[in-house]
Amino acid sequence: MKKKSDIDVDAFWTRLESLVRERETTLSAVQTKMKLGGSYLFVIKNRNSIPSLDVVNRLADALDTTIDYLVKGTGLPIKSENVLEETILKKYRSDYEFHKAVNIILENKTLVDVIIATTR
C-alpha cells in the first residue's frame, strides 16, 4: 500500500476505476469530459500518485461522486439523485423490483431504504 501523506494511493485508484466501470465509461472519456489534455491521468496513476485537489474535484464532478469518497472512501459513491436512480434501474430489472424501487425513490427514501426494500 503506497501512501501520499495519509491517502492510500492504491485505494484511490481502485475506487476511481470502480466508479468508471459503474458509470459504464472509460478513464479516457472522463479525462475528455474534464478537458484534461493528453494522458494526464494515466501519467499520474503510473507514478503511483494522486492528482491535485483541483483535478480530484473535477474527477468527482465528472463521475458524480464526492471528493471524500474518492480520496478517503467515506460516504457513498453517489452524489446526485440521477445517479442513484440509474444505479437502481440497472440493478433491478424485473418489473416488480423496478416498481418497488421507483416507489421508494418517489417517497424520498434513503439509499439504504431502497437497498433493503428491493432485496427482500
PDB file of N, CA and C in Angstrom:
ATOM      1  N   MET A   1       0.850  -1.175   0.000  1.00  0.00           N
ATOM      2  CA  MET A   1       0.000   0.000   0.000  1.00  0.00           C
ATOM      3  C   MET A   1       0.895   1.238   0.000  1.00  0.00           C
ATOM      4  N   LYS A   2       0.841   1.972  -1.086  1.00  0.00           N
ATOM      5  CA  LYS A   2       1.624   3.203  -1.194  1.00  0.00           C
ATOM      6  C   LYS A   2       0.793   4.352  -0.654  1.00  0.00           C
ATOM      7  N   LYS A   3       1.430   5.225   0.092  1.00  0.00           N
ATOM      8  CA  LYS A   3       0.694   6.348   0.681  1.00  0.00           C
ATOM      9  C   LYS A   3       1.344   7.671   0.326  1.00  0.00           C
ATOM     10  N   LYS A   4       0.516   8.662   0.122  1.00  0.00           N
ATOM     11  CA  LYS A   4       0.959  10.047  -0.028  1.00  0.00           C
ATOM     12  C   LYS A   4       0.294  10.765   1.128  1.00  0.00           C
ATOM     13  N   SER A   5       1.071  11.121   2.115  1.00  0.00           N
ATOM     14  CA  SER A   5       0.571  11.615   3.405  1.00  0.00           C
ATOM     15  C   SER A   5      -0.327  10.532   3.999  1.00  0.00           C
ATOM     16  N   ASP A   6      -1.577  10.827   4.288  1.00  0.00           N
ATOM     17  CA  ASP A   6      -2.472   9.824   4.857  1.00  0.00           C
ATOM     18  C   ASP A   6      -3.416   9.229   3.819  1.00  0.00           C
ATOM     19  N   ILE A   7      -3.124   9.422   2.562  1.00  0.00           N
ATOM     20  CA  ILE A   7      -4.006   8.941   1.497  1.00  0.00           C
ATOM     21  C   ILE A   7      -3.447   7.637   0.931  1.00  0.00           C
ATOM     22  N   ASP A   8      -4.293   6.618   0.873  1.00  0.00           N
ATOM     23  CA  ASP A   8      -3.919   5.345   0.286  1.00  0.00           C
ATOM     24  C   ASP A   8      -4.068   5.476  -1.235  1.00  0.00           C
ATOM     25  N   VAL A   9      -2.938   5.598  -1.904  1.00  0.00           N
ATOM     26  CA  VAL A   9      -2.930   5.845  -3.354  1.00  0.00           C
ATOM     27  C   VAL A   9      -3.577   4.695  -4.112  1.00  0.00           C
ATOM     28  N   ASP A  10      -3.237   3.469  -3.754  1.00  0.00           N
ATOM     29  CA  ASP A  10      -3.818   2.315  -4.444  1.00  0.00           C
ATOM     30  C   ASP A  10      -5.338   2.274  -4.288  1.00  0.00           C
ATOM     31  N   ALA A  11      -5.820   2.551  -3.084  1.00  0.00           N
ATOM     32  CA  ALA A  11      -7.263   2.550  -2.840  1.00  0.00           C
ATOM     33  C   ALA A  11      -7.951   3.669  -3.637  1.00  0.00           C
ATOM     34  N   PHE A  12      -7.299   4.824  -3.747  1.00  0.00           N
ATOM     35  CA  PHE A  12      -7.850   5.934  -4.541  1.00  0.00           C
ATOM     36  C   PHE A  12      -8.094   5.479  -5.972  1.00  0.00           C
ATOM     37  N   TRP A  13      -7.067   4.876  -6.583  1.00  0.00           N
ATOM     38  CA  TRP A  13      -7.196   4.446  -7.981  1.00  0.00           C
ATOM     39  C   TRP A  13      -8.186   3.292  -8.126  1.00  0.00           C
ATOM     40  N   THR A  14      -8.259   2.426  -7.140  1.00  0.00           N
ATOM     41  CA  THR A  14      -9.238   1.330  -7.175  1.00  0.00           C
ATOM     42  C   THR A  14     -10.655   1.893  -7.143  1.00  0.00           C
ATOM     43  N   ARG A  15     -10.904   2.853  -6.246  1.00  0.00           N
ATOM     44  CA  ARG A  15     -12.234   3.485  -6.180  1.00  0.00           C
ATOM     45  C   ARG A  15     -12.551   4.216  -7.490  1.00  0.00           C
ATOM     46  N   LEU A  16     -11.581   4.935  -8.018  1.00  0.00           N
ATOM     47  CA  LEU A  16     -11.794   5.677  -9.262  1.00  0.00           C
ATOM     48  C   LEU A  16     -12.134   4.721 -10.406  1.00  0.00           C
ATOM     49  N   GLU A  17     -11.354   3.669 -10.546  1.00  0.00           N
ATOM     50  CA  GLU A  17     -11.596   2.708 -11.631  1.00  0.00           C
ATOM     51  C   GLU A  17     -12.940   1.999 -11.460  1.00  0.00           C
ATOM     52  N   SER A  18     -13.314   1.723 -10.231  1.00  0.00           N
ATOM     53  CA  SER A  18     -14.605   1.097  -9.959  1.00  0.00           C
ATOM     54  C   SER A  18     -15.755   2.022 -10.385  1.00  0.00           C
ATOM     55  N   LEU A  19     -15.644   3.303 -10.040  1.00  0.00           N
ATOM     56  CA  LEU A  19     -16.664   4.274 -10.446  1.00  0.00           C
ATOM     57  C   LEU A  19     -16.741   4.402 -11.963  1.00  0.00           C
ATOM     58  N   VAL A  20     -15.600   4.399 -12.616  1.00  0.00           N
ATOM     59  CA  VAL A  20     -15.570   4.498 -14.079  1.00  0.00           C
ATOM     60  C   VAL A  20     -16.332   3.306 -14.688  1.00  0.00           C
ATOM     61  N   ARG A  21     -16.078   2.099 -14.162  1.00  0.00           N
ATOM     62  CA  ARG A  21     -16.791   0.908 -14.656  1.00  0.00           C
ATOM     63  C   ARG A  21     -18.284   1.010 -14.363  1.00  0.00           C
ATOM     64  N   GLU A  22     -18.643   1.409 -13.138  1.00  0.00           N
ATOM     65  CA  GLU A  22     -20.058   1.524 -12.770  1.00  0.00           C
ATOM     66  C   GLU A  22     -20.797   2.528 -13.642  1.00  0.00           C
ATOM     67  N   ARG A  23     -20.100   3.582 -14.050  1.00  0.00           N
ATOM     68  CA  ARG A  23     -20.727   4.606 -14.892  1.00  0.00           C
ATOM     69  C   ARG A  23     -20.674   4.213 -16.374  1.00  0.00           C
ATOM     70  N   GLU A  24     -20.146   3.013 -16.624  1.00  0.00           N
ATOM     71  CA  GLU A  24     -20.036   2.476 -17.994  1.00  0.00           C
ATOM     72  C   GLU A  24     -19.352   3.457 -18.933  1.00  0.00           C
ATOM     73  N   THR A  25     -18.192   3.914 -18.499  1.00  0.00           N
ATOM     74  CA  THR A  25     -17.394   4.833 -19.296  1.00  0.00           C
ATOM     75  C   THR A  25     -15.932   4.383 -19.228  1.00  0.00           C
ATOM     76  N   THR A  26     -15.037   5.217 -19.677  1.00  0.00           N
ATOM     77  CA  THR A  26     -13.611   4.917 -19.620  1.00  0.00           C
ATOM     78  C   THR A  26     -12.886   6.086 -18.966  1.00  0.00           C
ATOM     79  N   LEU A  27     -11.683   5.826 -18.488  1.00  0.00           N
ATOM     80  CA  LEU A  27     -10.880   6.888 -17.901  1.00  0.00           C
ATOM     81  C   LEU A  27     -10.569   7.947 -18.962  1.00  0.00           C
ATOM     82  N   SER A  28     -10.354   7.515 -20.197  1.00  0.00           N
ATOM     83  CA  SER A  28     -10.102   8.471 -21.296  1.00  0.00           C
ATOM     84  C   SER A  28     -11.309   9.374 -21.520  1.00  0.00           C
ATOM     85  N   ALA A  29     -12.504   8.793 -21.476  1.00  0.00           N
ATOM     86  CA  ALA A  29     -13.722   9.595 -21.675  1.00  0.00           C
ATOM     87  C   ALA A  29     -13.919  10.578 -20.528  1.00  0.00           C
ATOM     88  N   VAL A  30     -13.614  10.143 -19.313  1.00  0.00           N
ATOM     89  CA  VAL A  30     -13.726  11.036 -18.152  1.00  0.00           C
ATOM     90  C   VAL A  30     -12.731  12.178 -18.297  1.00  0.00           C
ATOM     91  N   GLN A  31     -11.527  11.844 -18.712  1.00  0.00           N
ATOM     92  CA  GLN A  31     -10.488  12.862 -18.901  1.00  0.00           C
ATOM     93  C   GLN A  31     -10.914  13.873 -19.968  1.00  0.00           C
ATOM     94  N   THR A  32     -11.526  13.401 -21.034  1.00  0.00           N
ATOM     95  CA  THR A  32     -12.024  14.294 -22.091  1.00  0.00           C
ATOM     96  C   THR A  32     -13.132  15.184 -21.546  1.00  0.00           C
ATOM     97  N   LYS A  33     -14.044  14.600 -20.759  1.00  0.00           N
ATOM     98  CA  LYS A  33     -15.136  15.376 -20.157  1.00  0.00           C
ATOM     99  C   LYS A  33     -14.585  16.481 -19.257  1.00  0.00           C
ATOM    100  N   MET A  34     -13.458  16.199 -18.609  1.00  0.00           N
ATOM    101  CA  MET A  34     -12.831  17.166 -17.704  1.00  0.00           C
ATOM    102  C   MET A  34     -11.966  18.176 -18.449  1.00  0.00           C
ATOM    103  N   LYS A  35     -11.808  17.962 -19.760  1.00  0.00           N
ATOM    104  CA  LYS A  35     -10.965  18.817 -20.604  1.00  0.00           C
ATOM    105  C   LYS A  35      -9.498  18.781 -20.167  1.00  0.00           C
ATOM    106  N   LEU A  36      -9.051  17.566 -19.807  1.00  0.00           N
ATOM    107  CA  LEU A  36      -7.632  17.355 -19.491  1.00  0.00           C
ATOM    108  C   LEU A  36      -6.953  16.840 -20.751  1.00  0.00           C
ATOM    109  N   GLY A  37      -5.833  17.415 -21.072  1.00  0.00           N
ATOM    110  CA  GLY A  37      -5.143  17.022 -22.292  1.00  0.00           C
ATOM    111  C   GLY A  37      -4.297  15.772 -22.145  1.00  0.00           C
ATOM    112  N   GLY A  38      -3.978  15.189 -23.287  1.00  0.00           N
ATOM    113  CA  GLY A  38      -3.055  14.065 -23.330  1.00  0.00           C
ATOM    114  C   GLY A  38      -3.484  12.898 -22.470  1.00  0.00           C
ATOM    115  N   SER A  39      -2.508  12.339 -21.780  1.00  0.00           N
ATOM    116  CA  SER A  39      -2.778  11.177 -20.934  1.00  0.00           C
ATOM    117  C   SER A  39      -2.482  11.506 -19.475  1.00  0.00           C
ATOM    118  N   TYR A  40      -2.880  12.686 -19.060  1.00  0.00           N
ATOM    119  CA  TYR A  40      -2.568  13.209 -17.730  1.00  0.00           C
ATOM    120  C   TYR A  40      -2.867  12.207 -16.619  1.00  0.00           C
ATOM    121  N   LEU A  41      -4.094  11.685 -16.587  1.00  0.00           N
ATOM    122  CA  LEU A  41      -4.466  10.782 -15.505  1.00  0.00           C
ATOM    123  C   LEU A  41      -3.648   9.495 -15.524  1.00  0.00           C
ATOM    124  N   PHE A  42      -3.340   9.007 -16.721  1.00  0.00           N
ATOM    125  CA  PHE A  42      -2.545   7.777 -16.826  1.00  0.00           C
ATOM    126  C   PHE A  42      -1.120   8.004 -16.317  1.00  0.00           C
ATOM    127  N   VAL A  43      -0.562   9.174 -16.593  1.00  0.00           N
ATOM    128  CA  VAL A  43       0.790   9.503 -16.110  1.00  0.00           C
ATOM    129  C   VAL A  43       0.792   9.573 -14.582  1.00  0.00           C
ATOM    130  N   ILE A  44      -0.195  10.254 -14.006  1.00  0.00           N
ATOM    131  CA  ILE A  44      -0.286  10.367 -12.553  1.00  0.00           C
ATOM    132  C   ILE A  44      -0.429   8.979 -11.926  1.00  0.00           C
ATOM    133  N   LYS A  45      -1.288   8.151 -12.519  1.00  0.00           N
ATOM    134  CA  LYS A  45      -1.503   6.806 -11.984  1.00  0.00           C
ATOM    135  C   LYS A  45      -0.209   5.994 -12.051  1.00  0.00           C
ATOM    136  N   ASN A  46       0.479   6.061 -13.166  1.00  0.00           N
ATOM    137  CA  ASN A  46       1.718   5.290 -13.321  1.00  0.00           C
ATOM    138  C   ASN A  46       2.823   5.762 -12.386  1.00  0.00           C
ATOM    139  N   ARG A  47       2.735   6.978 -11.909  1.00  0.00           N
ATOM    140  CA  ARG A  47       3.704   7.498 -10.933  1.00  0.00           C
ATOM    141  C   ARG A  47       3.315   7.122  -9.507  1.00  0.00           C
ATOM    142  N   ASN A  48       2.224   6.350  -9.359  1.00  0.00           N
ATOM    143  CA  ASN A  48       1.697   5.978  -8.038  1.00  0.00           C
ATOM    144  C   ASN A  48       1.437   7.216  -7.192  1.00  0.00           C
ATOM    145  N   SER A  49       0.761   8.169  -7.802  1.00  0.00           N
ATOM    146  CA  SER A  49       0.474   9.423  -7.135  1.00  0.00           C
ATOM    147  C   SER A  49      -1.015   9.725  -7.233  1.00  0.00           C
ATOM    148  N   ILE A  50      -1.398  10.807  -6.615  1.00  0.00           N
ATOM    149  CA  ILE A  50      -2.779  11.285  -6.658  1.00  0.00           C
ATOM    150  C   ILE A  50      -2.768  12.666  -7.302  1.00  0.00           C
ATOM    151  N   PRO A  51      -3.747  12.947  -8.168  1.00  0.00           N
ATOM    152  CA  PRO A  51      -3.793  14.269  -8.804  1.00  0.00           C
ATOM    153  C   PRO A  51      -3.980  15.393  -7.783  1.00  0.00           C
ATOM    154  N   SER A  52      -3.814  16.603  -8.244  1.00  0.00           N
ATOM    155  CA  SER A  52      -4.017  17.775  -7.388  1.00  0.00           C
ATOM    156  C   SER A  52      -5.469  17.828  -6.914  1.00  0.00           C
ATOM    157  N   LEU A  53      -5.709  18.608  -5.880  1.00  0.00           N
ATOM    158  CA  LEU A  53      -7.062  18.754  -5.349  1.00  0.00           C
ATOM    159  C   LEU A  53      -8.020  19.269  -6.417  1.00  0.00           C
ATOM    160  N   ASP A  54      -7.563  20.199  -7.244  1.00  0.00           N
ATOM    161  CA  ASP A  54      -8.399  20.719  -8.326  1.00  0.00           C
ATOM    162  C   ASP A  54      -8.830  19.592  -9.263  1.00  0.00           C
ATOM    163  N   VAL A  55      -7.903  18.724  -9.627  1.00  0.00           N
ATOM    164  CA  VAL A  55      -8.225  17.625 -10.547  1.00  0.00           C
ATOM    165  C   VAL A  55      -9.119  16.602  -9.848  1.00  0.00           C
ATOM    166  N   VAL A  56      -8.865  16.318  -8.586  1.00  0.00           N
ATOM    167  CA  VAL A  56      -9.727  15.388  -7.842  1.00  0.00           C
ATOM    168  C   VAL A  56     -11.148  15.948  -7.761  1.00  0.00           C
ATOM    169  N   ASN A  57     -11.281  17.236  -7.527  1.00  0.00           N
ATOM    170  CA  ASN A  57     -12.594  17.878  -7.508  1.00  0.00           C
ATOM    171  C   ASN A  57     -13.290  17.737  -8.858  1.00  0.00           C
ATOM    172  N   ARG A  58     -12.554  17.946  -9.929  1.00  0.00           N
ATOM    173  CA  ARG A  58     -13.123  17.805 -11.276  1.00  0.00           C
ATOM    174  C   ARG A  58     -13.481  16.355 -11.581  1.00  0.00           C
ATOM    175  N   LEU A  59     -12.658  15.408 -11.092  1.00  0.00           N
ATOM    176  CA  LEU A  59     -12.973  13.982 -11.242  1.00  0.00           C
ATOM    177  C   LEU A  59     -14.276  13.647 -10.521  1.00  0.00           C
ATOM    178  N   ALA A  60     -14.406  14.144  -9.302  1.00  0.00           N
ATOM    179  CA  ALA A  60     -15.615  13.894  -8.523  1.00  0.00           C
ATOM    180  C   ALA A  60     -16.846  14.434  -9.258  1.00  0.00           C
ATOM    181  N   ASP A  61     -16.741  15.631  -9.806  1.00  0.00           N
ATOM    182  CA  ASP A  61     -17.857  16.200 -10.575  1.00  0.00           C
ATOM    183  C   ASP A  61     -18.162  15.364 -11.814  1.00  0.00           C
ATOM    184  N   ALA A  62     -17.126  14.977 -12.541  1.00  0.00           N
ATOM    185  CA  ALA A  62     -17.310  14.214 -13.776  1.00  0.00           C
ATOM    186  C   ALA A  62     -17.952  12.854 -13.504  1.00  0.00           C
ATOM    187  N   LEU A  63     -17.657  12.261 -12.354  1.00  0.00           N
ATOM    188  CA  LEU A  63     -18.198  10.944 -12.007  1.00  0.00           C
ATOM    189  C   LEU A  63     -19.382  11.026 -11.051  1.00  0.00           C
ATOM    190  N   ASP A  64     -19.830  12.230 -10.782  1.00  0.00           N
ATOM    191  CA  ASP A  64     -20.971  12.487  -9.910  1.00  0.00           C
ATOM    192  C   ASP A  64     -20.816  11.777  -8.567  1.00  0.00           C
ATOM    193  N   THR A  65     -19.655  12.018  -7.954  1.00  0.00           N
ATOM    194  CA  THR A  65     -19.369  11.464  -6.637  1.00  0.00           C
ATOM    195  C   THR A  65     -18.795  12.576  -5.765  1.00  0.00           C
ATOM    196  N   THR A  66     -18.284  12.227  -4.613  1.00  0.00           N
ATOM    197  CA  THR A  66     -17.719  13.233  -3.725  1.00  0.00           C
ATOM    198  C   THR A  66     -16.209  13.080  -3.611  1.00  0.00           C
ATOM    199  N   ILE A  67     -15.547  14.163  -3.250  1.00  0.00           N
ATOM    200  CA  ILE A  67     -14.101  14.121  -3.024  1.00  0.00           C
ATOM    201  C   ILE A  67     -13.805  13.162  -1.870  1.00  0.00           C
ATOM    202  N   ASP A  68     -14.610  13.208  -0.818  1.00  0.00           N
ATOM    203  CA  ASP A  68     -14.409  12.317   0.324  1.00  0.00           C
ATOM    204  C   ASP A  68     -14.396  10.852  -0.103  1.00  0.00           C
ATOM    205  N   TYR A  69     -15.337  10.499  -0.964  1.00  0.00           N
ATOM    206  CA  TYR A  69     -15.386   9.098  -1.401  1.00  0.00           C
ATOM    207  C   TYR A  69     -14.135   8.743  -2.204  1.00  0.00           C
ATOM    208  N   LEU A  70     -13.762   9.596  -3.130  1.00  0.00           N
ATOM    209  CA  LEU A  70     -12.579   9.296  -3.953  1.00  0.00           C
ATOM    210  C   LEU A  70     -11.309   9.199  -3.114  1.00  0.00           C
ATOM    211  N   VAL A  71     -11.102  10.160  -2.231  1.00  0.00           N
ATOM    212  CA  VAL A  71      -9.832  10.243  -1.503  1.00  0.00           C
ATOM    213  C   VAL A  71      -9.797   9.314  -0.289  1.00  0.00           C
ATOM    214  N   LYS A  72     -10.891   9.282   0.480  1.00  0.00           N
ATOM    215  CA  LYS A  72     -10.874   8.518   1.728  1.00  0.00           C
ATOM    216  C   LYS A  72     -11.755   7.284   1.721  1.00  0.00           C
ATOM    217  N   GLY A  73     -12.632   7.181   0.742  1.00  0.00           N
ATOM    218  CA  GLY A  73     -13.542   6.040   0.702  1.00  0.00           C
ATOM    219  C   GLY A  73     -14.680   6.148   1.687  1.00  0.00           C
ATOM    220  N   THR A  74     -14.930   7.357   2.193  1.00  0.00           N
ATOM    221  CA  THR A  74     -16.016   7.543   3.155  1.00  0.00           C
ATOM    222  C   THR A  74     -17.266   8.032   2.446  1.00  0.00           C
ATOM    223  N   GLY A  75     -18.400   7.717   3.021  1.00  0.00           N
ATOM    224  CA  GLY A  75     -19.665   8.126   2.423  1.00  0.00           C
ATOM    225  C   GLY A  75     -20.042   7.221   1.265  1.00  0.00           C
ATOM    226  N   LEU A  76     -21.015   7.662   0.512  1.00  0.00           N
ATOM    227  CA  LEU A  76     -21.499   6.897  -0.635  1.00  0.00           C
ATOM    228  C   LEU A  76     -20.835   7.378  -1.913  1.00  0.00           C
ATOM    229  N   PRO A  77     -20.682   6.480  -2.883  1.00  0.00           N
ATOM    230  CA  PRO A  77     -20.063   6.882  -4.149  1.00  0.00           C
ATOM    231  C   PRO A  77     -21.015   7.648  -5.068  1.00  0.00           C
ATOM    232  N   ILE A  78     -22.180   8.031  -4.554  1.00  0.00           N
ATOM    233  CA  ILE A  78     -23.189   8.702  -5.367  1.00  0.00           C
ATOM    234  C   ILE A  78     -23.455  10.092  -4.799  1.00  0.00           C
ATOM    235  N   LYS A  79     -23.416  11.094  -5.679  1.00  0.00           N
ATOM    236  CA  LYS A  79     -23.655  12.465  -5.223  1.00  0.00           C
ATOM    237  C   LYS A  79     -25.060  12.941  -5.546  1.00  0.00           C
ATOM    238  N   SER A  80     -25.618  12.529  -6.682  1.00  0.00           N
ATOM    239  CA  SER A  80     -26.919  13.084  -7.060  1.00  0.00           C
ATOM    240  C   SER A  80     -27.986  12.016  -7.180  1.00  0.00           C
ATOM    241  N   GLU A  81     -29.221  12.456  -7.140  1.00  0.00           N
ATOM    242  CA  GLU A  81     -30.367  11.558  -7.268  1.00  0.00           C
ATOM    243  C   GLU A  81     -30.383  10.862  -8.622  1.00  0.00           C
ATOM    244  N   ASN A  82     -29.921  11.538  -9.685  1.00  0.00           N
ATOM    245  CA  ASN A  82     -29.947  10.928 -11.003  1.00  0.00           C
ATOM    246  C   ASN A  82     -29.105   9.663 -11.052  1.00  0.00           C
ATOM    247  N   VAL A  83     -27.930   9.714 -10.465  1.00  0.00           N
ATOM    248  CA  VAL A  83     -27.069   8.538 -10.472  1.00  0.00           C
ATOM    249  C   VAL A  83     -27.683   7.448  -9.608  1.00  0.00           C
ATOM    250  N   LEU A  84     -28.307   7.834  -8.499  1.00  0.00           N
ATOM    251  CA  LEU A  84     -28.985   6.862  -7.644  1.00  0.00           C
ATOM    252  C   LEU A  84     -30.064   6.147  -8.447  1.00  0.00           C
ATOM    253  N   GLU A  85     -30.874   6.890  -9.161  1.00  0.00           N
ATOM    254  CA  GLU A  85     -31.933   6.285  -9.953  1.00  0.00           C
ATOM    255  C   GLU A  85     -31.358   5.371 -11.033  1.00  0.00           C
ATOM    256  N   GLU A  86     -30.308   5.819 -11.737  1.00  0.00           N
ATOM    257  CA  GLU A  86     -29.697   4.988 -12.772  1.00  0.00           C
ATOM    258  C   GLU A  86     -29.141   3.702 -12.187  1.00  0.00           C
ATOM    259  N   THR A  87     -28.504   3.794 -11.024  1.00  0.00           N
ATOM    260  CA  THR A  87     -27.936   2.621 -10.370  1.00  0.00           C
ATOM    261  C   THR A  87     -29.029   1.625 -10.030  1.00  0.00           C
ATOM    262  N   ILE A  88     -30.122   2.118  -9.501  1.00  0.00           N
ATOM    263  CA  ILE A  88     -31.233   1.243  -9.132  1.00  0.00           C
ATOM    264  C   ILE A  88     -31.839   0.605 -10.373  1.00  0.00           C
ATOM    265  N   LEU A  89     -32.045   1.383 -11.408  1.00  0.00           N
ATOM    266  CA  LEU A  89     -32.664   0.851 -12.612  1.00  0.00           C
ATOM    267  C   LEU A  89     -31.790  -0.216 -13.270  1.00  0.00           C
ATOM    268  N   LYS A  90     -30.478  -0.054 -13.218  1.00  0.00           N
ATOM    269  CA  LYS A  90     -29.578  -1.058 -13.788  1.00  0.00           C
ATOM    270  C   LYS A  90     -29.594  -2.335 -12.963  1.00  0.00           C
ATOM    271  N   LYS A  91     -29.681  -2.190 -11.649  1.00  0.00           N
ATOM    272  CA  LYS A  91     -29.596  -3.350 -10.772  1.00  0.00           C
ATOM    273  C   LYS A  91     -30.898  -4.143 -10.721  1.00  0.00           C
ATOM    274  N   TYR A  92     -32.022  -3.459 -10.688  1.00  0.00           N
ATOM    275  CA  TYR A  92     -33.300  -4.123 -10.511  1.00  0.00           C
ATOM    276  C   TYR A  92     -34.094  -4.055 -11.802  1.00  0.00           C
ATOM    277  N   ARG A  93     -33.974  -5.085 -12.599  1.00  0.00           N
ATOM    278  CA  ARG A  93     -34.570  -5.058 -13.926  1.00  0.00           C
ATOM    279  C   ARG A  93     -35.970  -5.679 -13.990  1.00  0.00           C
ATOM    280  N   SER A  94     -36.344  -6.510 -13.036  1.00  0.00           N
ATOM    281  CA  SER A  94     -37.676  -7.108 -13.104  1.00  0.00           C
ATOM    282  C   SER A  94     -38.724  -6.030 -12.829  1.00  0.00           C
ATOM    283  N   ASP A  95     -39.905  -6.236 -13.375  1.00  0.00           N
ATOM    284  CA  ASP A  95     -40.980  -5.253 -13.204  1.00  0.00           C
ATOM    285  C   ASP A  95     -41.304  -5.017 -11.738  1.00  0.00           C
ATOM    286  N   TYR A  96     -41.408  -6.089 -10.976  1.00  0.00           N
ATOM    287  CA  TYR A  96     -41.749  -5.952  -9.568  1.00  0.00           C
ATOM    288  C   TYR A  96     -40.694  -5.135  -8.835  1.00  0.00           C
ATOM    289  N   GLU A  97     -39.434  -5.509  -8.977  1.00  0.00           N
ATOM    290  CA  GLU A  97     -38.358  -4.798  -8.296  1.00  0.00           C
ATOM    291  C   GLU A  97     -38.245  -3.366  -8.790  1.00  0.00           C
ATOM    292  N   PHE A  98     -38.462  -3.165 -10.091  1.00  0.00           N
ATOM    293  CA  PHE A  98     -38.401  -1.824 -10.662  1.00  0.00           C
ATOM    294  C   PHE A  98     -39.455  -0.922 -10.016  1.00  0.00           C
ATOM    295  N   HIS A  99     -40.692  -1.375  -9.970  1.00  0.00           N
ATOM    296  CA  HIS A  99     -41.766  -0.565  -9.398  1.00  0.00           C
ATOM    297  C   HIS A  99     -41.541  -0.312  -7.910  1.00  0.00           C
ATOM    298  N   LYS A 100     -41.032  -1.302  -7.232  1.00  0.00           N
ATOM    299  CA  LYS A 100     -40.725  -1.147  -5.816  1.00  0.00           C
ATOM    300  C   LYS A 100     -39.672  -0.051  -5.620  1.00  0.00           C
ATOM    301  N   ALA A 101     -38.622  -0.100  -6.434  1.00  0.00           N
ATOM    302  CA  ALA A 101     -37.544   0.896  -6.334  1.00  0.00           C
ATOM    303  C   ALA A 101     -38.054   2.294  -6.688  1.00  0.00           C
ATOM    304  N   VAL A 102     -38.857   2.402  -7.746  1.00  0.00           N
ATOM    305  CA  VAL A 102     -39.385   3.704  -8.158  1.00  0.00           C
ATOM    306  C   VAL A 102     -40.267   4.299  -7.060  1.00  0.00           C
ATOM    307  N   ASN A 103     -41.113   3.480  -6.458  1.00  0.00           N
ATOM    308  CA  ASN A 103     -41.970   3.978  -5.375  1.00  0.00           C
ATOM    309  C   ASN A 103     -41.138   4.478  -4.206  1.00  0.00           C
ATOM    310  N   ILE A 104     -40.072   3.785  -3.906  1.00  0.00           N
ATOM    311  CA  ILE A 104     -39.210   4.212  -2.794  1.00  0.00           C
ATOM    312  C   ILE A 104     -38.539   5.547  -3.139  1.00  0.00           C
ATOM    313  N   ILE A 105     -38.090   5.685  -4.380  1.00  0.00           N
ATOM    314  CA  ILE A 105     -37.472   6.942  -4.811  1.00  0.00           C
ATOM    315  C   ILE A 105     -38.492   8.078  -4.702  1.00  0.00           C
ATOM    316  N   LEU A 106     -39.703   7.817  -5.152  1.00  0.00           N
ATOM    317  CA  LEU A 106     -40.740   8.845  -5.110  1.00  0.00           C
ATOM    318  C   LEU A 106     -41.095   9.236  -3.677  1.00  0.00           C
ATOM    319  N   GLU A 107     -40.911   8.325  -2.751  1.00  0.00           N
ATOM    320  CA  GLU A 107     -41.177   8.625  -1.341  1.00  0.00           C
ATOM    321  C   GLU A 107     -39.983   9.315  -0.678  1.00  0.00           C
ATOM    322  N   ASN A 108     -38.950   9.603  -1.472  1.00  0.00           N
ATOM    323  CA  ASN A 108     -37.739  10.268  -0.971  1.00  0.00           C
ATOM    324  C   ASN A 108     -37.060   9.506   0.158  1.00  0.00           C
ATOM    325  N   LYS A 109     -36.970   8.215  -0.006  1.00  0.00           N
ATOM    326  CA  LYS A 109     -36.279   7.393   0.983  1.00  0.00           C
ATOM    327  C   LYS A 109     -34.775   7.479   0.749  1.00  0.00           C
ATOM    328  N   THR A 110     -34.027   6.971   1.686  1.00  0.00           N
ATOM    329  CA  THR A 110     -32.571   6.979   1.551  1.00  0.00           C
ATOM    330  C   THR A 110     -32.120   5.786   0.723  1.00  0.00           C
ATOM    331  N   LEU A 111     -30.865   5.803   0.305  1.00  0.00           N
ATOM    332  CA  LEU A 111     -30.295   4.699  -0.454  1.00  0.00           C
ATOM    333  C   LEU A 111     -30.403   3.401   0.344  1.00  0.00           C
ATOM    334  N   VAL A 112     -30.171   3.465   1.628  1.00  0.00           N
ATOM    335  CA  VAL A 112     -30.268   2.274   2.476  1.00  0.00           C
ATOM    336  C   VAL A 112     -31.680   1.706   2.424  1.00  0.00           C
ATOM    337  N   ASP A 113     -32.711   2.569   2.490  1.00  0.00           N
ATOM    338  CA  ASP A 113     -34.095   2.116   2.400  1.00  0.00           C
ATOM    339  C   ASP A 113     -34.367   1.414   1.080  1.00  0.00           C
ATOM    340  N   VAL A 114     -33.822   1.963  -0.004  1.00  0.00           N
ATOM    341  CA  VAL A 114     -34.023   1.372  -1.324  1.00  0.00           C
ATOM    342  C   VAL A 114     -33.386   0.001  -1.381  1.00  0.00           C
ATOM    343  N   ILE A 115     -32.169  -0.121  -0.905  1.00  0.00           N
ATOM    344  CA  ILE A 115     -31.465  -1.408  -0.966  1.00  0.00           C
ATOM    345  C   ILE A 115     -32.179  -2.439  -0.109  1.00  0.00           C
ATOM    346  N   ILE A 116     -32.579  -2.072   1.085  1.00  0.00           N
ATOM    347  CA  ILE A 116     -33.265  -3.018   1.969  1.00  0.00           C
ATOM    348  C   ILE A 116     -34.583  -3.474   1.342  1.00  0.00           C
ATOM    349  N   ALA A 117     -35.362  -2.536   0.843  1.00  0.00           N
ATOM    350  CA  ALA A 117     -36.675  -2.872   0.302  1.00  0.00           C
ATOM    351  C   ALA A 117     -36.594  -3.712  -0.966  1.00  0.00           C
ATOM    352  N   THR A 118     -35.592  -3.490  -1.776  1.00  0.00           N
ATOM    353  CA  THR A 118     -35.522  -4.212  -3.047  1.00  0.00           C
ATOM    354  C   THR A 118     -34.773  -5.536  -2.933  1.00  0.00           C
ATOM    355  N   THR A 119     -34.244  -5.835  -1.772  1.00  0.00           N
ATOM    356  CA  THR A 119     -33.571  -7.130  -1.602  1.00  0.00           C
ATOM    357  C   THR A 119     -34.400  -8.092  -0.764  1.00  0.00           C
ATOM    358  N   ARG A 120     -35.592  -7.700  -0.375  1.00  0.00           N
ATOM    359  CA  ARG A 120     -36.477  -8.580   0.414  1.00  0.00           C
ATOM    360  C   ARG A 120     -37.212  -9.524  -0.490  1.00  0.00           C
TER     361      ARG A 120
END
